[in-house]
Amino acid sequence: MSRGRLVALEGVDGCGKTTQLPHVVAALEGAGHDVVATREPTDGEWGRKIRVMAHTGDLPPPEEELRWFMEDRSQHVQELIAPALAAGRTVVTDRYFLSTVAYQGARGLDWREILRESESRFPLPDLALVLTVGAGVGLARVRARANTPEPAFEREGYLARVAEIFAAIERDYVVRVDAARDATAVRAALVAALAVLTAT
């Protein structure tokens, strides 16, 4: 049995990943893929710890915060992603290691080193769809959903640095999609980007 495919949706808060994920899943299922949808942070021990931190804004030192994300991902890969890929399934995840590269890099850590370590430790995505949008637009969308921005991450200056790192990542598996457009146009662009997977 051939290895499955791994698709990651990435981008700053408010870029539309979570909105678009069901459409990505539907497009892949329509092309015959057996799809598993998931997200990071997970609902496991480390993911719950991260979510509490995000809501309270009680930040640990950057190195400790990075460790939490790495531990959460290690468990995620071991328990869900790796078994699904081994079974030939297609995994679609709302955030993966490029988010750690960008967000923890924006804390002042070496994002290039985080990228190198992540690529050596975790399965590489076959396709990382990075939804690009300005930090101000993303925050406006968060507020429009009647959500209070999370103090740990959803601050415009911080998200601007996150967006800069996302823009600097150059990998063959990265495809950028302009997410400042309306949701229908973004959906069409994402489905078009999936062609490399749906054709095989």
N, C-alpha and C. Protein backbone atom coordinates (compact mmCIF):
# COMPACT_ATOMS: atom_id res chain seq x y z
N MET A 1 0.84 -1.19 0.00
CA MET A 1 0.00 0.00 0.00
C MET A 1 0.88 1.25 0.00
N SER A 2 0.58 2.19 -0.88
CA SER A 2 1.38 3.40 -0.97
C SER A 2 1.07 4.34 0.18
N ARG A 3 2.06 5.17 0.53
CA ARG A 3 1.87 6.16 1.60
C ARG A 3 0.77 7.12 1.21
N GLY A 4 0.00 7.54 2.20
CA GLY A 4 -1.04 8.53 1.97
C GLY A 4 -0.45 9.91 1.74
N ARG A 5 -1.31 10.90 1.66
CA ARG A 5 -0.90 12.28 1.40
C ARG A 5 -1.19 13.13 2.63
N LEU A 6 -0.36 14.15 2.82
CA LEU A 6 -0.51 15.06 3.94
C LEU A 6 -0.66 16.48 3.42
N VAL A 7 -1.78 17.10 3.74
CA VAL A 7 -2.08 18.47 3.32
C VAL A 7 -2.24 19.34 4.57
N ALA A 8 -1.53 20.45 4.61
CA ALA A 8 -1.62 21.37 5.75
C ALA A 8 -2.17 22.71 5.28
N LEU A 9 -3.10 23.25 6.05
CA LEU A 9 -3.59 24.61 5.83
C LEU A 9 -2.93 25.51 6.86
N GLU A 10 -2.29 26.56 6.37
CA GLU A 10 -1.48 27.42 7.24
C GLU A 10 -1.83 28.89 6.99
N GLY A 11 -1.45 29.74 7.93
CA GLY A 11 -1.65 31.18 7.77
C GLY A 11 -1.92 31.85 9.09
N VAL A 12 -1.96 33.18 9.07
CA VAL A 12 -2.20 33.93 10.30
C VAL A 12 -3.65 33.76 10.75
N ASP A 13 -3.90 34.09 12.00
CA ASP A 13 -5.27 34.04 12.53
C ASP A 13 -6.19 34.90 11.67
N GLY A 14 -7.36 34.36 11.35
CA GLY A 14 -8.33 35.09 10.54
C GLY A 14 -8.13 34.94 9.05
N CYS A 15 -7.19 34.09 8.62
CA CYS A 15 -6.95 33.94 7.18
C CYS A 15 -8.02 33.09 6.49
N GLY A 16 -8.77 32.31 7.27
CA GLY A 16 -9.85 31.51 6.68
C GLY A 16 -9.59 30.03 6.60
N LYS A 17 -8.55 29.55 7.23
CA LYS A 17 -8.22 28.12 7.18
C LYS A 17 -9.38 27.23 7.61
N THR A 18 -9.90 27.53 8.79
CA THR A 18 -10.94 26.68 9.36
C THR A 18 -12.21 26.72 8.52
N THR A 19 -12.51 27.88 7.93
CA THR A 19 -13.66 28.00 7.04
C THR A 19 -13.48 27.16 5.79
N GLN A 20 -12.27 27.14 5.25
CA GLN A 20 -12.02 26.48 3.98
C GLN A 20 -11.73 24.98 4.12
N LEU A 21 -11.37 24.54 5.31
CA LEU A 21 -10.98 23.13 5.46
C LEU A 21 -12.05 22.15 4.99
N PRO A 22 -13.35 22.34 5.33
CA PRO A 22 -14.35 21.38 4.84
C PRO A 22 -14.42 21.32 3.31
N HIS A 23 -14.16 22.43 2.64
CA HIS A 23 -14.20 22.45 1.18
C HIS A 23 -12.98 21.72 0.59
N VAL A 24 -11.84 21.84 1.24
CA VAL A 24 -10.66 21.09 0.83
C VAL A 24 -10.92 19.60 1.00
N VAL A 25 -11.49 19.23 2.13
CA VAL A 25 -11.82 17.82 2.38
C VAL A 25 -12.80 17.31 1.33
N ALA A 26 -13.83 18.08 1.03
CA ALA A 26 -14.83 17.65 0.05
C ALA A 26 -14.22 17.48 -1.33
N ALA A 27 -13.33 18.38 -1.71
CA ALA A 27 -12.69 18.27 -3.02
C ALA A 27 -11.84 17.02 -3.12
N LEU A 28 -11.11 16.71 -2.05
CA LEU A 28 -10.28 15.51 -2.05
C LEU A 28 -11.13 14.25 -2.04
N GLU A 29 -12.19 14.24 -1.25
CA GLU A 29 -13.09 13.08 -1.22
C GLU A 29 -13.75 12.89 -2.58
N GLY A 30 -14.09 13.99 -3.23
CA GLY A 30 -14.69 13.90 -4.56
C GLY A 30 -13.75 13.31 -5.58
N ALA A 31 -12.44 13.44 -5.33
CA ALA A 31 -11.44 12.86 -6.22
C ALA A 31 -11.04 11.46 -5.81
N GLY A 32 -11.73 10.91 -4.80
CA GLY A 32 -11.50 9.52 -4.42
C GLY A 32 -10.57 9.30 -3.25
N HIS A 33 -10.15 10.37 -2.59
CA HIS A 33 -9.27 10.22 -1.43
C HIS A 33 -10.06 9.83 -0.19
N ASP A 34 -9.48 8.98 0.63
CA ASP A 34 -10.02 8.64 1.94
C ASP A 34 -9.40 9.64 2.93
N VAL A 35 -10.18 10.60 3.39
CA VAL A 35 -9.63 11.77 4.08
C VAL A 35 -9.85 11.71 5.59
N VAL A 36 -8.81 12.11 6.32
CA VAL A 36 -8.89 12.33 7.76
C VAL A 36 -8.64 13.81 8.00
N ALA A 37 -9.59 14.50 8.63
CA ALA A 37 -9.43 15.92 8.95
C ALA A 37 -9.02 16.06 10.42
N THR A 38 -8.06 16.94 10.68
CA THR A 38 -7.57 17.11 12.04
C THR A 38 -7.09 18.55 12.22
N ARG A 39 -6.54 18.85 13.40
CA ARG A 39 -6.10 20.22 13.65
C ARG A 39 -4.99 20.23 14.69
N GLU A 40 -4.26 21.30 14.71
CA GLU A 40 -3.29 21.60 15.77
C GLU A 40 -3.52 23.03 16.24
N PRO A 41 -3.33 23.28 17.53
CA PRO A 41 -3.08 22.31 18.59
C PRO A 41 -4.20 21.28 18.68
N THR A 42 -3.83 20.09 19.18
CA THR A 42 -4.79 19.00 19.26
C THR A 42 -5.62 19.14 20.53
N ASP A 43 -6.46 18.16 20.77
CA ASP A 43 -7.24 18.11 22.00
C ASP A 43 -6.55 17.26 23.07
N GLY A 44 -5.30 16.88 22.81
CA GLY A 44 -4.54 16.10 23.77
C GLY A 44 -4.01 16.95 24.92
N GLU A 45 -3.22 16.32 25.76
CA GLU A 45 -2.69 16.99 26.96
C GLU A 45 -1.96 18.28 26.62
N TRP A 46 -1.06 18.23 25.65
CA TRP A 46 -0.26 19.41 25.32
C TRP A 46 -1.09 20.44 24.57
N GLY A 47 -1.97 19.97 23.71
CA GLY A 47 -2.83 20.89 22.98
C GLY A 47 -3.74 21.68 23.91
N ARG A 48 -4.29 21.00 24.91
CA ARG A 48 -5.15 21.69 25.88
C ARG A 48 -4.36 22.74 26.66
N LYS A 49 -3.13 22.40 26.98
CA LYS A 49 -2.25 23.33 27.70
C LYS A 49 -2.00 24.57 26.84
N ILE A 50 -1.78 24.36 25.56
CA ILE A 50 -1.55 25.49 24.64
C ILE A 50 -2.79 26.36 24.53
N ARG A 51 -3.96 25.74 24.45
CA ARG A 51 -5.20 26.51 24.29
C ARG A 51 -5.49 27.37 25.53
N VAL A 52 -5.22 26.83 26.70
CA VAL A 52 -5.39 27.63 27.92
C VAL A 52 -4.45 28.82 27.88
N MET A 53 -3.21 28.60 27.51
CA MET A 53 -2.23 29.68 27.40
C MET A 53 -2.68 30.73 26.40
N ALA A 54 -3.22 30.29 25.26
CA ALA A 54 -3.65 31.23 24.23
C ALA A 54 -4.77 32.14 24.73
N HIS A 55 -5.69 31.56 25.51
CA HIS A 55 -6.84 32.34 25.99
C HIS A 55 -6.49 33.26 27.15
N THR A 56 -5.56 32.82 28.00
CA THR A 56 -5.21 33.62 29.17
C THR A 56 -4.12 34.65 28.86
N GLY A 57 -3.28 34.35 27.86
CA GLY A 57 -2.16 35.23 27.57
C GLY A 57 -1.02 35.08 28.54
N ASP A 58 -1.08 34.04 29.38
CA ASP A 58 -0.02 33.77 30.36
C ASP A 58 1.09 32.99 29.66
N LEU A 59 2.02 33.72 29.05
CA LEU A 59 3.00 33.10 28.17
C LEU A 59 4.20 32.56 28.93
N PRO A 60 4.61 31.33 28.61
CA PRO A 60 5.86 30.82 29.14
C PRO A 60 7.03 31.42 28.34
N PRO A 61 8.27 31.18 28.74
CA PRO A 61 9.39 31.60 27.91
C PRO A 61 9.28 30.99 26.51
N PRO A 62 9.78 31.68 25.47
CA PRO A 62 9.62 31.18 24.10
C PRO A 62 10.10 29.75 23.90
N GLU A 63 11.21 29.38 24.53
CA GLU A 63 11.74 28.02 24.36
C GLU A 63 10.79 26.98 24.95
N GLU A 64 10.16 27.31 26.07
CA GLU A 64 9.20 26.40 26.68
C GLU A 64 7.93 26.31 25.83
N GLU A 65 7.49 27.43 25.32
CA GLU A 65 6.32 27.44 24.44
C GLU A 65 6.58 26.57 23.22
N LEU A 66 7.76 26.69 22.62
CA LEU A 66 8.13 25.85 21.47
C LEU A 66 8.07 24.38 21.86
N ARG A 67 8.57 24.05 23.03
CA ARG A 67 8.55 22.64 23.46
C ARG A 67 7.14 22.11 23.55
N TRP A 68 6.20 22.92 24.04
CA TRP A 68 4.81 22.47 24.12
C TRP A 68 4.27 22.11 22.74
N PHE A 69 4.54 22.97 21.76
CA PHE A 69 4.05 22.71 20.41
C PHE A 69 4.70 21.46 19.82
N MET A 70 5.99 21.28 20.07
CA MET A 70 6.67 20.11 19.55
C MET A 70 6.15 18.83 20.20
N GLU A 71 5.89 18.89 21.49
CA GLU A 71 5.35 17.71 22.18
C GLU A 71 3.95 17.37 21.65
N ASP A 72 3.13 18.39 21.46
CA ASP A 72 1.78 18.17 20.93
C ASP A 72 1.85 17.55 19.55
N ARG A 73 2.76 18.06 18.72
CA ARG A 73 2.87 17.52 17.35
C ARG A 73 3.42 16.10 17.36
N SER A 74 4.37 15.82 18.21
CA SER A 74 4.92 14.46 18.28
C SER A 74 3.82 13.46 18.59
N GLN A 75 2.97 13.81 19.56
CA GLN A 75 1.85 12.93 19.91
C GLN A 75 0.86 12.83 18.76
N HIS A 76 0.59 13.94 18.10
CA HIS A 76 -0.34 13.98 16.97
C HIS A 76 0.14 13.07 15.84
N VAL A 77 1.43 13.18 15.52
CA VAL A 77 2.00 12.36 14.46
C VAL A 77 1.95 10.89 14.83
N GLN A 78 2.35 10.59 16.05
CA GLN A 78 2.41 9.19 16.48
C GLN A 78 1.04 8.53 16.50
N GLU A 79 0.06 9.26 17.01
CA GLU A 79 -1.24 8.65 17.25
C GLU A 79 -2.20 8.74 16.07
N LEU A 80 -2.07 9.77 15.22
CA LEU A 80 -3.04 9.95 14.14
C LEU A 80 -2.40 10.07 12.77
N ILE A 81 -1.47 11.00 12.60
CA ILE A 81 -0.98 11.29 11.25
C ILE A 81 -0.21 10.12 10.66
N ALA A 82 0.77 9.60 11.37
CA ALA A 82 1.59 8.52 10.82
C ALA A 82 0.76 7.27 10.52
N PRO A 83 -0.12 6.82 11.44
CA PRO A 83 -0.94 5.65 11.12
C PRO A 83 -1.85 5.87 9.90
N ALA A 84 -2.43 7.07 9.79
CA ALA A 84 -3.30 7.35 8.64
C ALA A 84 -2.51 7.33 7.34
N LEU A 85 -1.33 7.93 7.33
CA LEU A 85 -0.51 7.92 6.12
C LEU A 85 -0.08 6.50 5.77
N ALA A 86 0.27 5.72 6.78
CA ALA A 86 0.69 4.34 6.54
C ALA A 86 -0.45 3.51 5.95
N ALA A 87 -1.69 3.88 6.29
CA ALA A 87 -2.87 3.18 5.77
C ALA A 87 -3.30 3.69 4.40
N GLY A 88 -2.54 4.64 3.84
CA GLY A 88 -2.85 5.16 2.52
C GLY A 88 -3.90 6.25 2.51
N ARG A 89 -4.23 6.81 3.68
CA ARG A 89 -5.25 7.84 3.76
C ARG A 89 -4.63 9.22 3.52
N THR A 90 -5.48 10.20 3.23
CA THR A 90 -5.04 11.58 3.05
C THR A 90 -5.42 12.36 4.30
N VAL A 91 -4.43 12.96 4.93
CA VAL A 91 -4.64 13.74 6.14
C VAL A 91 -4.66 15.22 5.77
N VAL A 92 -5.70 15.92 6.21
CA VAL A 92 -5.79 17.38 6.05
C VAL A 92 -5.79 17.98 7.44
N THR A 93 -4.79 18.80 7.73
CA THR A 93 -4.68 19.38 9.07
C THR A 93 -4.75 20.90 9.04
N ASP A 94 -5.57 21.42 9.93
CA ASP A 94 -5.70 22.86 10.15
C ASP A 94 -4.54 23.24 11.08
N ARG A 95 -3.46 23.70 10.50
CA ARG A 95 -2.16 24.01 11.09
C ARG A 95 -1.29 22.76 11.23
N TYR A 96 0.00 23.01 10.98
CA TYR A 96 1.01 21.96 11.12
C TYR A 96 2.31 22.68 11.47
N PHE A 97 3.44 22.14 11.10
CA PHE A 97 4.67 22.72 11.65
C PHE A 97 5.06 24.08 11.08
N LEU A 98 4.55 24.47 9.92
CA LEU A 98 4.87 25.82 9.45
C LEU A 98 4.30 26.90 10.37
N SER A 99 3.19 26.59 11.02
CA SER A 99 2.65 27.55 11.99
C SER A 99 3.60 27.72 13.16
N THR A 100 4.20 26.63 13.61
CA THR A 100 5.18 26.74 14.69
C THR A 100 6.39 27.54 14.24
N VAL A 101 6.84 27.27 13.02
CA VAL A 101 7.96 28.03 12.47
C VAL A 101 7.66 29.53 12.52
N ALA A 102 6.47 29.91 12.06
CA ALA A 102 6.13 31.33 11.95
C ALA A 102 5.80 31.95 13.30
N TYR A 103 4.97 31.29 14.08
CA TYR A 103 4.51 31.89 15.34
C TYR A 103 5.60 31.91 16.41
N GLN A 104 6.32 30.80 16.56
CA GLN A 104 7.38 30.81 17.55
C GLN A 104 8.61 31.55 17.04
N GLY A 105 8.78 31.59 15.72
CA GLY A 105 9.83 32.44 15.16
C GLY A 105 9.56 33.90 15.46
N ALA A 106 8.29 34.30 15.44
CA ALA A 106 7.92 35.68 15.74
C ALA A 106 8.12 36.02 17.21
N ARG A 107 8.30 35.00 18.04
CA ARG A 107 8.63 35.23 19.45
C ARG A 107 10.11 35.59 19.63
N GLY A 108 10.88 35.47 18.55
CA GLY A 108 12.30 35.79 18.63
C GLY A 108 13.21 34.59 18.49
N LEU A 109 12.63 33.39 18.34
CA LEU A 109 13.44 32.19 18.12
C LEU A 109 13.88 32.13 16.66
N ASP A 110 14.85 31.28 16.37
CA ASP A 110 15.39 31.15 15.02
C ASP A 110 14.42 30.31 14.18
N TRP A 111 13.63 30.96 13.34
CA TRP A 111 12.60 30.21 12.60
C TRP A 111 13.21 29.23 11.61
N ARG A 112 14.38 29.55 11.08
CA ARG A 112 15.02 28.62 10.14
C ARG A 112 15.45 27.34 10.84
N GLU A 113 15.91 27.46 12.07
CA GLU A 113 16.28 26.28 12.84
C GLU A 113 15.04 25.46 13.21
N ILE A 114 13.95 26.15 13.57
CA ILE A 114 12.70 25.43 13.86
C ILE A 114 12.24 24.67 12.62
N LEU A 115 12.37 25.28 11.45
CA LEU A 115 11.98 24.61 10.21
C LEU A 115 12.85 23.39 9.96
N ARG A 116 14.17 23.53 10.14
CA ARG A 116 15.06 22.39 9.93
C ARG A 116 14.73 21.24 10.88
N GLU A 117 14.53 21.57 12.15
CA GLU A 117 14.21 20.53 13.13
C GLU A 117 12.87 19.87 12.81
N SER A 118 11.89 20.67 12.45
CA SER A 118 10.56 20.12 12.15
C SER A 118 10.61 19.18 10.96
N GLU A 119 11.33 19.58 9.93
CA GLU A 119 11.41 18.72 8.73
C GLU A 119 12.17 17.43 9.01
N SER A 120 13.05 17.44 9.99
CA SER A 120 13.78 16.22 10.32
C SER A 120 12.99 15.30 11.25
N ARG A 121 12.05 15.87 12.01
CA ARG A 121 11.32 15.09 13.02
C ARG A 121 9.96 14.60 12.56
N PHE A 122 9.31 15.35 11.67
CA PHE A 122 7.92 15.08 11.35
C PHE A 122 7.73 14.82 9.86
N PRO A 123 6.65 14.09 9.48
CA PRO A 123 6.40 13.87 8.06
C PRO A 123 6.25 15.20 7.32
N LEU A 124 6.88 15.28 6.15
CA LEU A 124 6.75 16.49 5.35
C LEU A 124 5.37 16.53 4.71
N PRO A 125 4.76 17.69 4.65
CA PRO A 125 3.49 17.78 3.91
C PRO A 125 3.73 17.59 2.42
N ASP A 126 2.81 16.92 1.76
CA ASP A 126 2.85 16.88 0.30
C ASP A 126 2.45 18.23 -0.27
N LEU A 127 1.63 18.94 0.50
CA LEU A 127 1.16 20.25 0.07
C LEU A 127 0.84 21.08 1.32
N ALA A 128 1.48 22.24 1.43
CA ALA A 128 1.15 23.20 2.50
C ALA A 128 0.52 24.41 1.85
N LEU A 129 -0.75 24.59 2.07
CA LEU A 129 -1.51 25.70 1.50
C LEU A 129 -1.47 26.86 2.48
N VAL A 130 -0.69 27.87 2.16
CA VAL A 130 -0.54 29.03 3.04
C VAL A 130 -1.49 30.12 2.56
N LEU A 131 -2.50 30.40 3.38
CA LEU A 131 -3.49 31.44 3.04
C LEU A 131 -2.92 32.79 3.49
N THR A 132 -2.69 33.66 2.53
CA THR A 132 -2.03 34.93 2.84
C THR A 132 -3.06 36.05 2.98
N VAL A 133 -2.91 36.80 4.08
CA VAL A 133 -3.78 37.94 4.35
C VAL A 133 -3.05 38.84 5.33
N GLY A 134 -3.29 40.13 5.26
CA GLY A 134 -2.66 41.05 6.18
C GLY A 134 -3.11 40.84 7.62
N ALA A 135 -2.23 41.15 8.57
CA ALA A 135 -2.56 40.95 9.97
C ALA A 135 -3.81 41.74 10.37
N GLY A 136 -3.95 42.96 9.89
CA GLY A 136 -5.12 43.77 10.24
C GLY A 136 -6.41 43.18 9.72
N VAL A 137 -6.36 42.66 8.49
CA VAL A 137 -7.55 42.01 7.92
C VAL A 137 -7.90 40.77 8.72
N GLY A 138 -6.88 39.98 9.06
CA GLY A 138 -7.14 38.77 9.84
C GLY A 138 -7.80 39.08 11.17
N LEU A 139 -7.28 40.08 11.88
CA LEU A 139 -7.87 40.44 13.17
C LEU A 139 -9.29 40.97 13.02
N ALA A 140 -9.54 41.73 11.96
CA ALA A 140 -10.90 42.23 11.71
C ALA A 140 -11.86 41.06 11.52
N ARG A 141 -11.41 40.02 10.85
CA ARG A 141 -12.26 38.85 10.65
C ARG A 141 -12.52 38.13 11.97
N VAL A 142 -11.49 38.04 12.81
CA VAL A 142 -11.66 37.41 14.12
C VAL A 142 -12.73 38.16 14.90
N ARG A 143 -12.66 39.48 14.90
CA ARG A 143 -13.64 40.28 15.64
C ARG A 143 -15.03 40.17 15.01
N ALA A 144 -15.09 40.05 13.67
CA ALA A 144 -16.38 39.94 12.99
C ALA A 144 -17.10 38.65 13.34
N ARG A 145 -16.34 37.64 13.76
CA ARG A 145 -16.95 36.38 14.19
C ARG A 145 -17.46 36.48 15.62
N ALA A 146 -17.44 37.69 16.18
CA ALA A 146 -17.87 37.94 17.57
C ALA A 146 -16.95 37.26 18.55
N ASN A 147 -15.69 37.05 18.13
CA ASN A 147 -14.70 36.47 19.01
C ASN A 147 -13.79 37.56 19.57
N THR A 148 -13.43 37.42 20.82
CA THR A 148 -12.44 38.31 21.39
C THR A 148 -11.06 37.78 21.01
N PRO A 149 -10.20 38.61 20.43
CA PRO A 149 -8.87 38.12 20.04
C PRO A 149 -8.13 37.49 21.22
N GLU A 150 -7.45 36.36 20.95
CA GLU A 150 -6.69 35.70 22.00
C GLU A 150 -5.46 36.54 22.32
N PRO A 151 -5.24 36.86 23.60
CA PRO A 151 -4.13 37.75 23.94
C PRO A 151 -2.76 37.19 23.63
N ALA A 152 -2.63 35.86 23.59
CA ALA A 152 -1.31 35.28 23.34
C ALA A 152 -0.86 35.46 21.90
N PHE A 153 -1.78 35.41 20.95
CA PHE A 153 -1.40 35.36 19.54
C PHE A 153 -2.03 36.46 18.69
N GLU A 154 -3.25 36.84 19.00
CA GLU A 154 -4.02 37.68 18.09
C GLU A 154 -3.82 39.17 18.39
N ARG A 155 -2.60 39.62 18.13
CA ARG A 155 -2.22 41.03 18.25
C ARG A 155 -1.60 41.46 16.93
N GLU A 156 -1.96 42.63 16.45
CA GLU A 156 -1.60 42.99 15.07
C GLU A 156 -0.10 43.04 14.83
N GLY A 157 0.65 43.67 15.73
CA GLY A 157 2.08 43.74 15.54
C GLY A 157 2.74 42.37 15.50
N TYR A 158 2.31 41.51 16.40
CA TYR A 158 2.83 40.15 16.45
C TYR A 158 2.46 39.38 15.19
N LEU A 159 1.19 39.46 14.78
CA LEU A 159 0.75 38.74 13.59
C LEU A 159 1.44 39.26 12.33
N ALA A 160 1.80 40.53 12.32
CA ALA A 160 2.55 41.06 11.17
C ALA A 160 3.90 40.38 11.06
N ARG A 161 4.56 40.13 12.19
CA ARG A 161 5.84 39.41 12.17
C ARG A 161 5.63 37.96 11.73
N VAL A 162 4.54 37.35 12.21
CA VAL A 162 4.20 35.99 11.79
C VAL A 162 4.04 35.93 10.27
N ALA A 163 3.30 36.89 9.71
CA ALA A 163 3.07 36.92 8.26
C ALA A 163 4.37 37.08 7.50
N GLU A 164 5.29 37.86 8.02
CA GLU A 164 6.59 38.04 7.37
C GLU A 164 7.35 36.73 7.29
N ILE A 165 7.30 35.96 8.35
CA ILE A 165 8.00 34.66 8.34
C ILE A 165 7.33 33.70 7.38
N PHE A 166 6.00 33.63 7.40
CA PHE A 166 5.30 32.78 6.42
C PHE A 166 5.75 33.15 5.00
N ALA A 167 5.87 34.45 4.73
CA ALA A 167 6.24 34.91 3.39
C ALA A 167 7.68 34.54 3.03
N ALA A 168 8.52 34.35 4.04
CA ALA A 168 9.93 34.06 3.78
C ALA A 168 10.22 32.57 3.60
N ILE A 169 9.27 31.73 3.95
CA ILE A 169 9.48 30.28 3.84
C ILE A 169 9.40 29.85 2.39
N GLU A 170 10.46 29.27 1.89
CA GLU A 170 10.50 28.80 0.51
C GLU A 170 10.74 27.29 0.50
N ARG A 171 9.70 26.56 0.16
CA ARG A 171 9.79 25.11 0.04
C ARG A 171 8.95 24.68 -1.15
N ASP A 172 9.36 23.58 -1.79
CA ASP A 172 8.63 23.09 -2.96
C ASP A 172 7.19 22.71 -2.63
N TYR A 173 6.95 22.32 -1.39
CA TYR A 173 5.61 21.87 -1.02
C TYR A 173 4.68 23.02 -0.63
N VAL A 174 5.18 24.25 -0.60
CA VAL A 174 4.38 25.40 -0.21
C VAL A 174 3.69 26.03 -1.42
N VAL A 175 2.38 26.22 -1.31
CA VAL A 175 1.61 26.96 -2.31
C VAL A 175 0.86 28.06 -1.57
N ARG A 176 1.06 29.29 -2.01
CA ARG A 176 0.40 30.42 -1.37
C ARG A 176 -0.89 30.78 -2.11
N VAL A 177 -1.92 31.09 -1.34
CA VAL A 177 -3.23 31.45 -1.89
C VAL A 177 -3.64 32.79 -1.27
N ASP A 178 -3.97 33.74 -2.11
CA ASP A 178 -4.41 35.05 -1.65
C ASP A 178 -5.77 34.91 -0.97
N ALA A 179 -5.77 35.07 0.34
CA ALA A 179 -7.00 34.87 1.11
C ALA A 179 -7.70 36.18 1.43
N ALA A 180 -7.26 37.29 0.85
CA ALA A 180 -7.93 38.57 1.06
C ALA A 180 -9.18 38.69 0.20
N ARG A 181 -9.34 37.76 -0.74
CA ARG A 181 -10.51 37.77 -1.62
C ARG A 181 -11.72 37.17 -0.91
N ASP A 182 -12.86 37.17 -1.60
CA ASP A 182 -14.05 36.58 -0.98
C ASP A 182 -13.88 35.06 -0.90
N ALA A 183 -14.67 34.46 -0.02
CA ALA A 183 -14.49 33.05 0.31
C ALA A 183 -14.65 32.14 -0.91
N THR A 184 -15.51 32.51 -1.84
CA THR A 184 -15.72 31.67 -3.03
C THR A 184 -14.48 31.65 -3.90
N ALA A 185 -13.85 32.81 -4.09
CA ALA A 185 -12.62 32.87 -4.89
C ALA A 185 -11.49 32.12 -4.22
N VAL A 186 -11.39 32.21 -2.91
CA VAL A 186 -10.35 31.49 -2.18
C VAL A 186 -10.57 29.99 -2.31
N ARG A 187 -11.82 29.57 -2.18
CA ARG A 187 -12.14 28.15 -2.32
C ARG A 187 -11.73 27.63 -3.69
N ALA A 188 -12.01 28.37 -4.74
CA ALA A 188 -11.65 27.94 -6.09
C ALA A 188 -10.15 27.83 -6.24
N ALA A 189 -9.41 28.77 -5.65
CA ALA A 189 -7.95 28.74 -5.74
C ALA A 189 -7.38 27.54 -4.99
N LEU A 190 -7.96 27.22 -3.84
CA LEU A 190 -7.50 26.07 -3.08
C LEU A 190 -7.76 24.77 -3.83
N VAL A 191 -8.95 24.65 -4.40
CA VAL A 191 -9.28 23.43 -5.16
C VAL A 191 -8.34 23.29 -6.36
N ALA A 192 -8.03 24.41 -7.01
CA ALA A 192 -7.09 24.36 -8.12
C ALA A 192 -5.71 23.90 -7.68
N ALA A 193 -5.28 24.35 -6.49
CA ALA A 193 -3.97 23.97 -5.97
C ALA A 193 -3.91 22.49 -5.62
N LEU A 194 -5.06 21.90 -5.32
CA LEU A 194 -5.11 20.48 -4.97
C LEU A 194 -4.94 19.58 -6.19
N ALA A 195 -4.93 20.15 -7.37
CA ALA A 195 -4.87 19.35 -8.59
C ALA A 195 -3.68 18.40 -8.59
N VAL A 196 -2.58 18.83 -8.00
CA VAL A 196 -1.38 17.98 -7.96
C VAL A 196 -1.64 16.68 -7.19
N LEU A 197 -2.59 16.71 -6.27
CA LEU A 197 -2.94 15.51 -5.51
C LEU A 197 -4.10 14.76 -6.11
N THR A 198 -5.12 15.51 -6.57
CA THR A 198 -6.32 14.85 -7.09
C THR A 198 -6.08 14.18 -8.43
N ALA A 199 -5.00 14.53 -9.10
CA ALA A 199 -4.72 13.93 -10.40
C ALA A 199 -4.03 12.59 -10.29
N THR A 200 -3.64 12.20 -9.05
CA THR A 200 -2.90 10.95 -8.89
C THR A 200 -3.63 10.00 -7.98
